[in-house]
Amino acid sequence: MPTISMFYGILVALMYEDNDRHHLPHFHVRYQNFKASIAIEDGRILAGSIPPRQLKLVQAWVELHQDDLLANWTLALNGEELFRIAPLQ
C-alpha cells in the first residue's frame, strides 16, 4: 500500500486493485493507532476511525486534491505506479 502523502502525522495511502471492499473510490489514512478508509468523493469515513481534528484535516486535503486522488485511484485499479500528492500546509 504505497503512501501518496503525509501531513501533520497523518499517512495517506492507496491500495492497488482495492475496489472490492467498499465499491467506490477511497483511500486509507493512518494516524498514531488509528486507521480509516475515506471516500474520495466527500471525505466521509467508510470504515475504521480517526480523531475528529485529524478527520477535518483529511477532509480539507480531499477538497483540495480530489482530482489528483481520483487520478491515482484509476492508476491503482490498473496496477500502475501512483504519484505523490502535496501535503496539506
Protein backbone atom coordinates (compact mmCIF):
# COMPACT_ATOMS: atom_id res chain seq x y z
CA MET A 1 0.00 0.00 0.00
CA PRO A 2 2.00 3.00 -1.26
CA THR A 3 1.97 6.20 0.78
CA ILE A 4 0.90 9.05 -1.50
CA SER A 5 1.02 11.90 1.04
CA MET A 6 1.91 12.73 4.65
CA PHE A 7 0.93 15.74 6.74
CA TYR A 8 0.56 16.51 10.46
CA GLY A 9 1.39 12.92 11.38
CA ILE A 10 -1.26 11.53 9.01
CA LEU A 11 -0.19 8.96 6.39
CA VAL A 12 -2.34 8.68 3.26
CA ALA A 13 -2.13 5.53 1.15
CA LEU A 14 -3.91 3.79 -1.71
CA MET A 15 -4.07 0.04 -2.19
CA TYR A 16 -3.66 -1.47 -5.61
CA GLU A 17 -6.77 -3.07 -7.11
CA ASP A 18 -8.80 -2.25 -3.96
CA ASN A 19 -12.29 -1.91 -5.45
CA ASP A 20 -13.90 -4.99 -3.91
CA ARG A 21 -14.37 -3.95 -0.30
CA HIS A 22 -16.07 -0.53 -0.49
CA HIS A 23 -17.01 -0.41 -4.20
CA LEU A 24 -16.23 3.28 -4.52
CA PRO A 25 -13.07 5.39 -4.80
CA HIS A 26 -11.38 5.62 -1.42
CA PHE A 27 -8.01 5.83 0.29
CA HIS A 28 -6.60 4.80 3.64
CA VAL A 29 -5.28 7.00 6.43
CA ARG A 30 -3.23 6.17 9.48
CA TYR A 31 -2.71 8.44 12.46
CA GLN A 32 -1.00 7.07 15.56
CA ASN A 33 -3.01 3.91 16.40
CA PHE A 34 -5.99 4.88 14.24
CA LYS A 35 -6.81 3.60 10.76
CA ALA A 36 -9.67 4.55 8.47
CA SER A 37 -10.87 4.23 4.89
CA ILE A 38 -12.02 7.57 3.47
CA ALA A 39 -14.31 8.19 0.47
CA ILE A 40 -12.69 10.38 -2.19
CA GLU A 41 -15.98 11.96 -3.25
CA ASP A 42 -16.82 13.55 0.11
CA GLY A 43 -14.20 12.65 2.73
CA ARG A 44 -16.56 10.54 4.85
CA ILE A 45 -15.28 7.58 6.85
CA LEU A 46 -16.19 4.26 5.24
CA ALA A 47 -14.52 2.04 7.82
CA GLY A 48 -12.35 2.45 10.89
CA SER A 49 -11.89 5.64 12.86
CA ILE A 50 -9.68 8.70 13.18
CA PRO A 51 -9.89 11.56 15.73
CA PRO A 52 -12.25 14.40 14.71
CA ARG A 53 -9.46 17.00 14.41
CA GLN A 54 -7.44 14.80 12.06
CA LEU A 55 -10.56 13.90 10.08
CA LYS A 56 -11.19 17.61 9.44
CA LEU A 57 -7.60 17.98 8.18
CA VAL A 58 -8.05 14.97 5.88
CA GLN A 59 -11.35 16.34 4.58
CA ALA A 60 -9.78 19.73 3.82
CA TRP A 61 -6.98 17.93 1.96
CA VAL A 62 -9.52 15.86 -0.01
CA GLU A 63 -11.30 19.03 -1.09
CA LEU A 64 -8.04 20.48 -2.41
CA HIS A 65 -6.81 17.31 -4.13
CA GLN A 66 -9.91 15.40 -5.21
CA ASP A 67 -8.89 15.33 -8.90
CA ASP A 68 -5.41 14.03 -8.03
CA LEU A 69 -6.93 11.38 -5.75
CA LEU A 70 -9.29 10.18 -8.48
CA ALA A 71 -6.41 10.03 -10.97
CA ASN A 72 -4.36 7.95 -8.52
CA TRP A 73 -7.41 5.75 -7.85
CA THR A 74 -7.62 4.92 -11.56
CA LEU A 75 -3.89 4.18 -11.68
CA ALA A 76 -4.18 1.91 -8.63
CA LEU A 77 -7.08 -0.04 -10.12
CA ASN A 78 -4.96 -0.66 -13.21
CA GLY A 79 -1.93 -1.68 -11.13
CA GLU A 80 0.08 1.31 -12.37
CA GLU A 81 2.55 3.43 -10.41
CA LEU A 82 0.96 6.12 -8.23
CA PHE A 83 2.18 9.70 -7.88
CA ARG A 84 2.68 11.67 -4.68
CA ILE A 85 0.17 14.37 -3.78
CA ALA A 86 1.20 17.56 -2.00
CA PRO A 87 0.55 17.60 1.74
CA LEU A 88 -1.85 19.94 3.49
CA GLN A 89 0.01 23.10 4.50
